[in-house]
PDB file of N, CA and C in Angstrom:
ATOM      1  N   UNK A   1      56.263 -97.907 -67.271  1.00  0.00           N
ATOM      2  CA  UNK A   1      56.707 -99.285 -67.113  1.00  0.00           C
ATOM      3  C   UNK A   1      56.356-100.024 -68.389  1.00  0.00           C
ATOM      4  N   UNK A   2      57.319-100.672 -68.968  1.00  0.00           N
ATOM      5  CA  UNK A   2      57.124-101.408 -70.197  1.00  0.00           C
ATOM      6  C   UNK A   2      57.865-102.730 -70.070  1.00  0.00           C
ATOM      7  N   UNK A   3      57.313-103.648 -69.305  1.00  0.00           N
ATOM      8  CA  UNK A   3      57.969-104.929 -69.059  1.00  0.00           C
ATOM      9  C   UNK A   3      57.184-106.062 -69.671  1.00  0.00           C
ATOM     10  N   UNK A   4      57.880-107.138 -69.933  1.00  0.00           N
ATOM     11  CA  UNK A   4      57.269-108.335 -70.484  1.00  0.00           C
ATOM     12  C   UNK A   4      57.307-109.420 -69.411  1.00  0.00           C
ATOM     13  N   UNK A   5      56.197-110.097 -69.219  1.00  0.00           N
ATOM     14  CA  UNK A   5      56.104-111.198 -68.274  1.00  0.00           C
ATOM     15  C   UNK A   5      56.051-112.492 -69.079  1.00  0.00           C
ATOM     16  N   UNK A   6      57.023-113.365 -68.876  1.00  0.00           N
ATOM     17  CA  UNK A   6      57.123-114.600 -69.646  1.00  0.00           C
ATOM     18  C   UNK A   6      56.471-115.761 -68.900  1.00  0.00           C
ATOM     19  N   UNK A   7      55.869-116.702 -69.641  1.00  0.00           N
ATOM     20  CA  UNK A   7      55.259-117.871 -68.987  1.00  0.00           C
ATOM     21  C   UNK A   7      56.328-118.838 -68.492  1.00  0.00           C
ATOM     22  N   UNK A   8      55.982-119.626 -67.474  1.00  0.00           N
ATOM     23  CA  UNK A   8      56.908-120.651 -66.971  1.00  0.00           C
ATOM     24  C   UNK A   8      56.573-122.014 -67.558  1.00  0.00           C
ATOM     25  N   UNK A   9      55.336-122.181 -68.063  1.00  0.00           N
ATOM     26  CA  UNK A   9      54.931-123.428 -68.721  1.00  0.00           C
ATOM     27  C   UNK A   9      54.241-123.082 -70.028  1.00  0.00           C
ATOM     28  N   UNK A  10      54.341-123.985 -70.987  1.00  0.00           N
ATOM     29  CA  UNK A  10      53.682-123.797 -72.276  1.00  0.00           C
ATOM     30  C   UNK A  10      52.172-123.851 -72.072  1.00  0.00           C
ATOM     31  N   UNK A  11      51.450-122.891 -72.627  1.00  0.00           N
ATOM     32  CA  UNK A  11      50.005-122.793 -72.435  1.00  0.00           C
ATOM     33  C   UNK A  11      49.287-123.991 -73.051  1.00  0.00           C
ATOM     34  N   UNK A  12      49.747-124.475 -74.190  1.00  0.00           N
ATOM     35  CA  UNK A  12      49.077-125.574 -74.892  1.00  0.00           C
ATOM     36  C   UNK A  12      49.377-126.939 -74.284  1.00  0.00           C
ATOM     37  N   UNK A  13      50.645-127.193 -73.974  1.00  0.00           N
ATOM     38  CA  UNK A  13      51.049-128.532 -73.552  1.00  0.00           C
ATOM     39  C   UNK A  13      51.243-128.676 -72.049  1.00  0.00           C
ATOM     40  N   UNK A  14      51.508-127.585 -71.350  1.00  0.00           N
ATOM     41  CA  UNK A  14      51.774-127.657 -69.918  1.00  0.00           C
ATOM     42  C   UNK A  14      53.208-128.026 -69.593  1.00  0.00           C
ATOM     43  N   UNK A  15      54.065-128.136 -70.608  1.00  0.00           N
ATOM     44  CA  UNK A  15      55.470-128.485 -70.428  1.00  0.00           C
ATOM     45  C   UNK A  15      56.223-127.249 -69.907  1.00  0.00           C
ATOM     46  N   UNK A  16      57.112-127.481 -68.952  1.00  0.00           N
ATOM     47  CA  UNK A  16      57.899-126.379 -68.395  1.00  0.00           C
ATOM     48  C   UNK A  16      58.800-125.783 -69.466  1.00  0.00           C
ATOM     49  N   UNK A  17      58.850-124.475 -69.513  1.00  0.00           N
ATOM     50  CA  UNK A  17      59.702-123.771 -70.466  1.00  0.00           C
ATOM     51  C   UNK A  17      61.069-123.516 -69.843  1.00  0.00           C
ATOM     52  N   UNK A  18      62.116-123.412 -70.671  1.00  0.00           N
ATOM     53  CA  UNK A  18      63.456-123.138 -70.122  1.00  0.00           C
ATOM     54  C   UNK A  18      63.505-121.757 -69.472  1.00  0.00           C
ATOM     55  N   UNK A  19      64.421-121.600 -68.533  1.00  0.00           N
ATOM     56  CA  UNK A  19      64.614-120.314 -67.858  1.00  0.00           C
ATOM     57  C   UNK A  19      65.060-119.276 -68.891  1.00  0.00           C
ATOM     58  N   UNK A  20      64.595-118.038 -68.769  1.00  0.00           N
ATOM     59  CA  UNK A  20      65.051-116.990 -69.697  1.00  0.00           C
ATOM     60  C   UNK A  20      66.524-116.672 -69.471  1.00  0.00           C
ATOM     61  N   UNK A  21      67.150-116.102 -70.502  1.00  0.00           N
ATOM     62  CA  UNK A  21      68.571-115.746 -70.409  1.00  0.00           C
ATOM     63  C   UNK A  21      68.813-114.725 -69.311  1.00  0.00           C
ATOM     64  N   UNK A  22      67.906-113.772 -69.176  1.00  0.00           N
ATOM     65  CA  UNK A  22      68.031-112.736 -68.152  1.00  0.00           C
ATOM     66  C   UNK A  22      67.340-113.224 -66.881  1.00  0.00           C
ATOM     67  N   UNK A  23      68.089-113.456 -65.797  1.00  0.00           N
ATOM     68  CA  UNK A  23      67.479-113.969 -64.573  1.00  0.00           C
ATOM     69  C   UNK A  23      66.519-112.979 -63.904  1.00  0.00           C
ATOM     70  N   UNK A  24      66.570-111.693 -64.296  1.00  0.00           N
ATOM     71  CA  UNK A  24      65.692-110.686 -63.710  1.00  0.00           C
ATOM     72  C   UNK A  24      64.378-110.521 -64.469  1.00  0.00           C
ATOM     73  N   UNK A  25      64.150-111.378 -65.468  1.00  0.00           N
ATOM     74  CA  UNK A  25      62.916-111.311 -66.243  1.00  0.00           C
ATOM     75  C   UNK A  25      61.732-111.682 -65.367  1.00  0.00           C
ATOM     76  N   UNK A  26      60.674-110.906 -65.491  1.00  0.00           N
ATOM     77  CA  UNK A  26      59.456-111.206 -64.738  1.00  0.00           C
ATOM     78  C   UNK A  26      58.763-112.411 -65.368  1.00  0.00           C
ATOM     79  N   UNK A  27      58.171-113.259 -64.515  1.00  0.00           N
ATOM     80  CA  UNK A  27      57.524-114.482 -64.994  1.00  0.00           C
ATOM     81  C   UNK A  27      56.078-114.539 -64.520  1.00  0.00           C
ATOM     82  N   UNK A  28      55.247-115.212 -65.314  1.00  0.00           N
ATOM     83  CA  UNK A  28      53.887-115.517 -64.897  1.00  0.00           C
ATOM     84  C   UNK A  28      53.963-116.685 -63.916  1.00  0.00           C
ATOM     85  N   UNK A  29      52.902-116.939 -63.182  1.00  0.00           N
ATOM     86  CA  UNK A  29      52.887-118.103 -62.289  1.00  0.00           C
ATOM     87  C   UNK A  29      52.619-119.353 -63.121  1.00  0.00           C
ATOM     88  N   UNK A  30      52.764-120.523 -62.534  1.00  0.00           N
ATOM     89  CA  UNK A  30      52.508-121.782 -63.235  1.00  0.00           C
ATOM     90  C   UNK A  30      51.044-121.893 -63.657  1.00  0.00           C
ATOM     91  N   UNK A  31      50.164-121.143 -62.996  1.00  0.00           N
ATOM     92  CA  UNK A  31      48.742-121.120 -63.351  1.00  0.00           C
ATOM     93  C   UNK A  31      48.428-120.019 -64.354  1.00  0.00           C
ATOM     94  N   UNK A  32      49.458-119.420 -64.946  1.00  0.00           N
ATOM     95  CA  UNK A  32      49.334-118.356 -65.950  1.00  0.00           C
ATOM     96  C   UNK A  32      48.726-117.085 -65.370  1.00  0.00           C
ATOM     97  N   UNK A  33      48.987-116.810 -64.113  1.00  0.00           N
ATOM     98  CA  UNK A  33      48.498-115.599 -63.474  1.00  0.00           C
ATOM     99  C   UNK A  33      49.610-114.550 -63.454  1.00  0.00           C
ATOM    100  N   UNK A  34      49.224-113.299 -63.513  1.00  0.00           N
ATOM    101  CA  UNK A  34      50.154-112.188 -63.496  1.00  0.00           C
ATOM    102  C   UNK A  34      50.297-111.688 -62.065  1.00  0.00           C
ATOM    103  N   UNK A  35      51.470-111.888 -61.466  1.00  0.00           N
ATOM    104  CA  UNK A  35      51.734-111.424 -60.102  1.00  0.00           C
ATOM    105  C   UNK A  35      52.633-110.193 -60.195  1.00  0.00           C
ATOM    106  N   UNK A  36      52.080-109.036 -59.893  1.00  0.00           N
ATOM    107  CA  UNK A  36      52.810-107.772 -60.020  1.00  0.00           C
ATOM    108  C   UNK A  36      53.591-107.385 -58.777  1.00  0.00           C
ATOM    109  N   UNK A  37      53.544-108.184 -57.721  1.00  0.00           N
ATOM    110  CA  UNK A  37      54.208-107.812 -56.462  1.00  0.00           C
ATOM    111  C   UNK A  37      55.690-107.491 -56.645  1.00  0.00           C
ATOM    112  N   UNK A  38      56.435-108.341 -57.316  1.00  0.00           N
ATOM    113  CA  UNK A  38      57.878-108.129 -57.479  1.00  0.00           C
ATOM    114  C   UNK A  38      58.157-106.917 -58.360  1.00  0.00           C
ATOM    115  N   UNK A  39      57.409-106.735 -59.427  1.00  0.00           N
ATOM    116  CA  UNK A  39      57.612-105.583 -60.305  1.00  0.00           C
ATOM    117  C   UNK A  39      57.335-104.279 -59.556  1.00  0.00           C
ATOM    118  N   UNK A  40      56.258-104.246 -58.786  1.00  0.00           N
ATOM    119  CA  UNK A  40      55.920-103.046 -58.018  1.00  0.00           C
ATOM    120  C   UNK A  40      56.987-102.771 -56.966  1.00  0.00           C
ATOM    121  N   UNK A  41      57.488-103.819 -56.307  1.00  0.00           N
ATOM    122  CA  UNK A  41      58.536-103.645 -55.296  1.00  0.00           C
ATOM    123  C   UNK A  41      59.789-103.041 -55.918  1.00  0.00           C
ATOM    124  N   UNK A  42      60.213-103.589 -57.065  1.00  0.00           N
ATOM    125  CA  UNK A  42      61.429-103.090 -57.716  1.00  0.00           C
ATOM    126  C   UNK A  42      61.273-101.649 -58.189  1.00  0.00           C
ATOM    127  N   UNK A  43      60.135-101.336 -58.781  1.00  0.00           N
ATOM    128  CA  UNK A  43      59.932 -99.971 -59.275  1.00  0.00           C
ATOM    129  C   UNK A  43      59.788 -98.975 -58.137  1.00  0.00           C
ATOM    130  N   UNK A  44      59.224 -99.393 -57.021  1.00  0.00           N
ATOM    131  CA  UNK A  44      59.099 -98.462 -55.891  1.00  0.00           C
ATOM    132  C   UNK A  44      60.475 -98.151 -55.294  1.00  0.00           C
ATOM    133  N   UNK A  45      61.384 -99.118 -55.314  1.00  0.00           N
ATOM    134  CA  UNK A  45      62.746 -98.888 -54.828  1.00  0.00           C
ATOM    135  C   UNK A  45      63.482 -97.928 -55.762  1.00  0.00           C
ATOM    136  N   UNK A  46      63.341 -98.138 -57.058  1.00  0.00           N
ATOM    137  CA  UNK A  46      64.030 -97.299 -58.042  1.00  0.00           C
ATOM    138  C   UNK A  46      63.508 -95.866 -57.998  1.00  0.00           C
ATOM    139  N   UNK A  47      62.228 -95.692 -57.794  1.00  0.00           N
ATOM    140  CA  UNK A  47      61.624 -94.364 -57.814  1.00  0.00           C
ATOM    141  C   UNK A  47      61.758 -93.614 -56.496  1.00  0.00           C
ATOM    142  N   UNK A  48      62.156 -94.282 -55.425  1.00  0.00           N
ATOM    143  CA  UNK A  48      62.288 -93.615 -54.128  1.00  0.00           C
ATOM    144  C   UNK A  48      63.448 -92.619 -54.176  1.00  0.00           C
ATOM    145  N   UNK A  49      63.293 -91.451 -53.578  1.00  0.00           N
ATOM    146  CA  UNK A  49      64.394 -90.479 -53.591  1.00  0.00           C
ATOM    147  C   UNK A  49      65.594 -91.005 -52.809  1.00  0.00           C
ATOM    148  N   UNK A  50      66.794 -90.653 -53.265  1.00  0.00           N
ATOM    149  CA  UNK A  50      68.007 -91.113 -52.596  1.00  0.00           C
ATOM    150  C   UNK A  50      68.142 -90.511 -51.207  1.00  0.00           C
ATOM    151  N   UNK A  51      67.712 -89.288 -51.046  1.00  0.00           N
ATOM    152  CA  UNK A  51      67.776 -88.632 -49.752  1.00  0.00           C
ATOM    153  C   UNK A  51      66.396 -88.039 -49.479  1.00  0.00           C
ATOM    154  N   UNK A  52      65.497 -88.852 -48.903  1.00  0.00           N
ATOM    155  CA  UNK A  52      64.135 -88.346 -48.692  1.00  0.00           C
ATOM    156  C   UNK A  52      64.119 -87.165 -47.717  1.00  0.00           C
ATOM    157  N   UNK A  53      63.422 -86.117 -48.116  1.00  0.00           N
ATOM    158  CA  UNK A  53      63.299 -84.922 -47.295  1.00  0.00           C
ATOM    159  C   UNK A  53      61.821 -84.632 -47.079  1.00  0.00           C
ATOM    160  N   UNK A  54      61.506 -83.935 -46.008  1.00  0.00           N
ATOM    161  CA  UNK A  54      60.114 -83.647 -45.686  1.00  0.00           C
ATOM    162  C   UNK A  54      59.545 -82.542 -46.559  1.00  0.00           C
ATOM    163  N   UNK A  55      60.404 -81.657 -47.102  1.00  0.00           N
ATOM    164  CA  UNK A  55      59.952 -80.584 -47.970  1.00  0.00           C
ATOM    165  C   UNK A  55      61.130 -80.114 -48.826  1.00  0.00           C
ATOM    166  N   UNK A  56      60.847 -79.249 -49.803  1.00  0.00           N
ATOM    167  CA  UNK A  56      61.899 -78.746 -50.691  1.00  0.00           C
ATOM    168  C   UNK A  56      63.007 -78.007 -49.938  1.00  0.00           C
ATOM    169  N   UNK A  57      62.656 -77.231 -48.921  1.00  0.00           N
ATOM    170  CA  UNK A  57      63.635 -76.446 -48.182  1.00  0.00           C
ATOM    171  C   UNK A  57      64.273 -77.168 -47.012  1.00  0.00           C
ATOM    172  N   UNK A  58      63.982 -78.447 -46.848  1.00  0.00           N
ATOM    173  CA  UNK A  58      64.492 -79.202 -45.702  1.00  0.00           C
ATOM    174  C   UNK A  58      66.009 -79.357 -45.794  1.00  0.00           C
ATOM    175  N   UNK A  59      66.694 -79.144 -44.697  1.00  0.00           N
ATOM    176  CA  UNK A  59      68.152 -79.297 -44.637  1.00  0.00           C
ATOM    177  C   UNK A  59      68.552 -80.710 -44.236  1.00  0.00           C
ATOM    178  N   UNK A  60      67.592 -81.518 -43.800  1.00  0.00           N
ATOM    179  CA  UNK A  60      67.876 -82.906 -43.458  1.00  0.00           C
ATOM    180  C   UNK A  60      68.459 -83.074 -42.068  1.00  0.00           C
ATOM    181  N   UNK A  61      69.116 -84.230 -41.888  1.00  0.00           N
ATOM    182  CA  UNK A  61      69.743 -84.568 -40.609  1.00  0.00           C
ATOM    183  C   UNK A  61      71.244 -84.630 -40.789  1.00  0.00           C
ATOM    184  N   UNK A  62      71.984 -84.362 -39.739  1.00  0.00           N
ATOM    185  CA  UNK A  62      73.444 -84.481 -39.773  1.00  0.00           C
ATOM    186  C   UNK A  62      73.806 -85.945 -39.983  1.00  0.00           C
ATOM    187  N   UNK A  63      74.688 -86.207 -40.939  1.00  0.00           N
ATOM    188  CA  UNK A  63      75.073 -87.587 -41.231  1.00  0.00           C
ATOM    189  C   UNK A  63      75.949 -88.198 -40.135  1.00  0.00           C
ATOM    190  N   UNK A  64      76.490 -87.351 -39.232  1.00  0.00           N
ATOM    191  CA  UNK A  64      77.345 -87.867 -38.169  1.00  0.00           C
ATOM    192  C   UNK A  64      76.598 -88.059 -36.856  1.00  0.00           C
ATOM    193  N   UNK A  65      75.831 -87.040 -36.438  1.00  0.00           N
ATOM    194  CA  UNK A  65      75.182 -87.140 -35.118  1.00  0.00           C
ATOM    195  C   UNK A  65      73.663 -87.286 -35.197  1.00  0.00           C
ATOM    196  N   UNK A  66      73.076 -87.045 -36.384  1.00  0.00           N
ATOM    197  CA  UNK A  66      71.640 -87.204 -36.546  1.00  0.00           C
ATOM    198  C   UNK A  66      70.819 -86.002 -36.117  1.00  0.00           C
ATOM    199  N   UNK A  67      71.453 -84.878 -35.806  1.00  0.00           N
ATOM    200  CA  UNK A  67      70.721 -83.680 -35.373  1.00  0.00           C
ATOM    201  C   UNK A  67      69.895 -83.123 -36.522  1.00  0.00           C
ATOM    202  N   UNK A  68      68.731 -82.564 -36.197  1.00  0.00           N
ATOM    203  CA  UNK A  68      67.863 -81.934 -37.176  1.00  0.00           C
ATOM    204  C   UNK A  68      68.484 -80.600 -37.585  1.00  0.00           C
ATOM    205  N   UNK A  69      68.964 -80.476 -38.815  1.00  0.00           N
ATOM    206  CA  UNK A  69      69.657 -79.278 -39.269  1.00  0.00           C
ATOM    207  C   UNK A  69      68.700 -78.124 -39.541  1.00  0.00           C
ATOM    208  N   UNK A  70      67.388 -78.380 -39.546  1.00  0.00           N
ATOM    209  CA  UNK A  70      66.408 -77.303 -39.696  1.00  0.00           C
ATOM    210  C   UNK A  70      66.326 -76.469 -38.429  1.00  0.00           C
ATOM    211  N   UNK A  71      66.719 -77.053 -37.298  1.00  0.00           N
ATOM    212  CA  UNK A  71      66.657 -76.356 -36.017  1.00  0.00           C
ATOM    213  C   UNK A  71      67.932 -75.593 -35.707  1.00  0.00           C
ATOM    214  N   UNK A  72      68.979 -75.804 -36.491  1.00  0.00           N
ATOM    215  CA  UNK A  72      70.255 -75.132 -36.291  1.00  0.00           C
ATOM    216  C   UNK A  72      71.400 -76.077 -36.582  1.00  0.00           C
ATOM    217  N   UNK A  73      72.607 -75.549 -36.618  1.00  0.00           N
ATOM    218  CA  UNK A  73      73.765 -76.400 -36.884  1.00  0.00           C
ATOM    219  C   UNK A  73      74.061 -77.265 -35.657  1.00  0.00           C
ATOM    220  N   UNK A  74      74.704 -78.389 -35.884  1.00  0.00           N
ATOM    221  CA  UNK A  74      74.933 -79.342 -34.803  1.00  0.00           C
ATOM    222  C   UNK A  74      76.309 -79.217 -34.158  1.00  0.00           C
ATOM    223  N   UNK A  75      77.251 -78.588 -34.826  1.00  0.00           N
ATOM    224  CA  UNK A  75      78.581 -78.443 -34.269  1.00  0.00           C
ATOM    225  C   UNK A  75      79.562 -79.510 -34.722  1.00  0.00           C
ATOM    226  N   UNK A  76      79.113 -80.492 -35.477  1.00  0.00           N
ATOM    227  CA  UNK A  76      80.032 -81.512 -35.995  1.00  0.00           C
ATOM    228  C   UNK A  76      80.926 -80.899 -37.065  1.00  0.00           C
ATOM    229  N   UNK A  77      82.116 -81.442 -37.203  1.00  0.00           N
ATOM    230  CA  UNK A  77      83.009 -81.010 -38.267  1.00  0.00           C
ATOM    231  C   UNK A  77      82.505 -81.607 -39.581  1.00  0.00           C
ATOM    232  N   UNK A  78      82.428 -80.816 -40.645  1.00  0.00           N
ATOM    233  CA  UNK A  78      82.027 -81.367 -41.941  1.00  0.00           C
ATOM    234  C   UNK A  78      83.002 -82.458 -42.358  1.00  0.00           C
ATOM    235  N   UNK A  79      82.469 -83.535 -42.879  1.00  0.00           N
ATOM    236  CA  UNK A  79      83.287 -84.687 -43.252  1.00  0.00           C
ATOM    237  C   UNK A  79      83.821 -84.521 -44.665  1.00  0.00           C
ATOM    238  N   UNK A  80      85.075 -84.167 -44.799  1.00  0.00           N
ATOM    239  CA  UNK A  80      85.715 -84.081 -46.106  1.00  0.00           C
ATOM    240  C   UNK A  80      85.331 -82.861 -46.913  1.00  0.00           C
ATOM    241  N   UNK A  81      84.676 -81.877 -46.321  1.00  0.00           N
ATOM    242  CA  UNK A  81      84.284 -80.683 -47.057  1.00  0.00           C
ATOM    243  C   UNK A  81      85.535 -79.887 -47.396  1.00  0.00           C
ATOM    244  N   UNK A  82      85.650 -79.437 -48.616  1.00  0.00           N
ATOM    245  CA  UNK A  82      86.800 -78.674 -49.056  1.00  0.00           C
ATOM    246  C   UNK A  82      87.882 -79.557 -49.659  1.00  0.00           C
ATOM    247  N   UNK A  83      87.942 -80.798 -49.291  1.00  0.00           N
ATOM    248  CA  UNK A  83      88.905 -81.737 -49.847  1.00  0.00           C
ATOM    249  C   UNK A  83      88.172 -82.629 -50.839  1.00  0.00           C
ATOM    250  N   UNK A  84      88.469 -82.527 -52.134  1.00  0.00           N
ATOM    251  CA  UNK A  84      87.714 -83.306 -53.104  1.00  0.00           C
ATOM    252  C   UNK A  84      87.882 -84.814 -52.916  1.00  0.00           C
ATOM    253  N   UNK A  85      88.932 -85.224 -52.238  1.00  0.00           N
ATOM    254  CA  UNK A  85      89.162 -86.645 -52.024  1.00  0.00           C
ATOM    255  C   UNK A  85      88.672 -87.113 -50.661  1.00  0.00           C
ATOM    256  N   UNK A  86      88.344 -86.190 -49.765  1.00  0.00           N
ATOM    257  CA  UNK A  86      87.811 -86.525 -48.449  1.00  0.00           C
ATOM    258  C   UNK A  86      88.699 -87.489 -47.697  1.00  0.00           C
ATOM    259  N   UNK A  87      88.092 -88.414 -47.012  1.00  0.00           N
ATOM    260  CA  UNK A  87      88.804 -89.380 -46.191  1.00  0.00           C
ATOM    261  C   UNK A  87      89.708 -90.279 -47.019  1.00  0.00           C
ATOM    262  N   UNK A  88      89.305 -90.597 -48.238  1.00  0.00           N
ATOM    263  CA  UNK A  88      90.127 -91.446 -49.101  1.00  0.00           C
ATOM    264  C   UNK A  88      91.474 -90.777 -49.376  1.00  0.00           C
ATOM    265  N   UNK A  89      91.449 -89.472 -49.639  1.00  0.00           N
ATOM    266  CA  UNK A  89      92.690 -88.744 -49.877  1.00  0.00           C
ATOM    267  C   UNK A  89      93.586 -88.736 -48.652  1.00  0.00           C
ATOM    268  N   UNK A  90      92.993 -88.553 -47.473  1.00  0.00           N
ATOM    269  CA  UNK A  90      93.763 -88.569 -46.231  1.00  0.00           C
ATOM    270  C   UNK A  90      94.394 -89.939 -45.997  1.00  0.00           C
ATOM    271  N   UNK A  91      93.632 -91.002 -46.282  1.00  0.00           N
ATOM    272  CA  UNK A  91      94.120 -92.361 -46.092  1.00  0.00           C
ATOM    273  C   UNK A  91      95.296 -92.640 -47.038  1.00  0.00           C
ATOM    274  N   UNK A  92      95.156 -92.203 -48.295  1.00  0.00           N
ATOM    275  CA  UNK A  92      96.232 -92.406 -49.260  1.00  0.00           C
ATOM    276  C   UNK A  92      97.483 -91.642 -48.848  1.00  0.00           C
ATOM    277  N   UNK A  93      97.323 -90.388 -48.397  1.00  0.00           N
ATOM    278  CA  UNK A  93      98.474 -89.591 -47.962  1.00  0.00           C
ATOM    279  C   UNK A  93      99.180 -90.256 -46.793  1.00  0.00           C
ATOM    280  N   UNK A  94      98.422 -90.788 -45.832  1.00  0.00           N
ATOM    281  CA  UNK A  94      99.020 -91.463 -44.670  1.00  0.00           C
ATOM    282  C   UNK A  94      99.803 -92.702 -45.107  1.00  0.00           C
ATOM    283  N   UNK A  95      99.263 -93.471 -46.011  1.00  0.00           N
ATOM    284  CA  UNK A  95      99.979 -94.675 -46.478  1.00  0.00           C
ATOM    285  C   UNK A  95     101.235 -94.300 -47.251  1.00  0.00           C
ATOM    286  N   UNK A  96     101.147 -93.220 -48.018  1.00  0.00           N
ATOM    287  CA  UNK A  96     102.347 -92.785 -48.753  1.00  0.00           C
ATOM    288  C   UNK A  96     103.421 -92.320 -47.779  1.00  0.00           C
ATOM    289  N   UNK A  97     103.046 -91.594 -46.703  1.00  0.00           N
ATOM    290  CA  UNK A  97     104.022 -91.160 -45.691  1.00  0.00           C
ATOM    291  C   UNK A  97     104.691 -92.372 -45.049  1.00  0.00           C
ATOM    292  N   UNK A  98     103.880 -93.382 -44.699  1.00  0.00           N
ATOM    293  CA  UNK A  98     104.451 -94.588 -44.074  1.00  0.00           C
ATOM    294  C   UNK A  98     105.393 -95.330 -45.009  1.00  0.00           C
ATOM    295  N   UNK A  99     105.132 -95.231 -46.319  1.00  0.00           N
ATOM    296  CA  UNK A  99     105.977 -95.913 -47.295  1.00  0.00           C
ATOM    297  C   UNK A  99     107.238 -95.116 -47.626  1.00  0.00           C
ATOM    298  N   UNK A 100     107.353 -93.888 -47.044  1.00  0.00           N
ATOM    299  CA  UNK A 100     108.567 -93.104 -47.251  1.00  0.00           C
ATOM    300  C   UNK A 100     108.426 -91.995 -48.269  1.00  0.00           C
ATOM    301  N   UNK A 101     107.261 -91.835 -48.870  1.00  0.00           N
ATOM    302  CA  UNK A 101     107.058 -90.759 -49.836  1.00  0.00           C
ATOM    303  C   UNK A 101     106.747 -89.466 -49.097  1.00  0.00           C
ATOM    304  N   UNK A 102     107.143 -88.338 -49.689  1.00  0.00           N
ATOM    305  CA  UNK A 102     106.820 -87.047 -49.120  1.00  0.00           C
ATOM    306  C   UNK A 102     105.601 -86.495 -49.840  1.00  0.00           C
ATOM    307  N   UNK A 103     104.681 -85.907 -49.059  1.00  0.00           N
ATOM    308  CA  UNK A 103     103.489 -85.306 -49.660  1.00  0.00           C
ATOM    309  C   UNK A 103     103.804 -83.887 -50.073  1.00  0.00           C
ATOM    310  N   UNK A 104     102.897 -83.243 -50.807  1.00  0.00           N
ATOM    311  CA  UNK A 104     103.095 -81.885 -51.298  1.00  0.00           C
ATOM    312  C   UNK A 104     103.273 -80.885 -50.150  1.00  0.00           C
ATOM    313  N   UNK A 105     102.624 -81.147 -49.005  1.00  0.00           N
ATOM    314  CA  UNK A 105     102.702 -80.225 -47.872  1.00  0.00           C
ATOM    315  C   UNK A 105     104.056 -80.298 -47.177  1.00  0.00           C
ATOM    316  N   UNK A 106     104.773 -81.377 -47.300  1.00  0.00           N
ATOM    317  CA  UNK A 106     106.034 -81.560 -46.562  1.00  0.00           C
ATOM    318  C   UNK A 106     107.205 -80.986 -47.313  1.00  0.00           C
TER     319      UNK A 106
END
């Protein structure tokens, strides 16, 4: 972490300083104290895994029914597996059919 915390008031005069150009800049308190709560919150969100798993070999939960995949398959149909466009591709094909276009399969 290499962040800069800017003051909100001038240390010598006590006059309020203008807001920084970047609204996400970390600021000191009006009493010139360093409050790390917001910085720690933001960094903990960024560092959290996108798909938290209990172990390296964990298969996770089914995204459709929530079944524990470590105990066996759930029986749900894979969502968009094999189709690189998934549901979006199906939606586009349906709209093209309604508009009178023929798809490659027809």
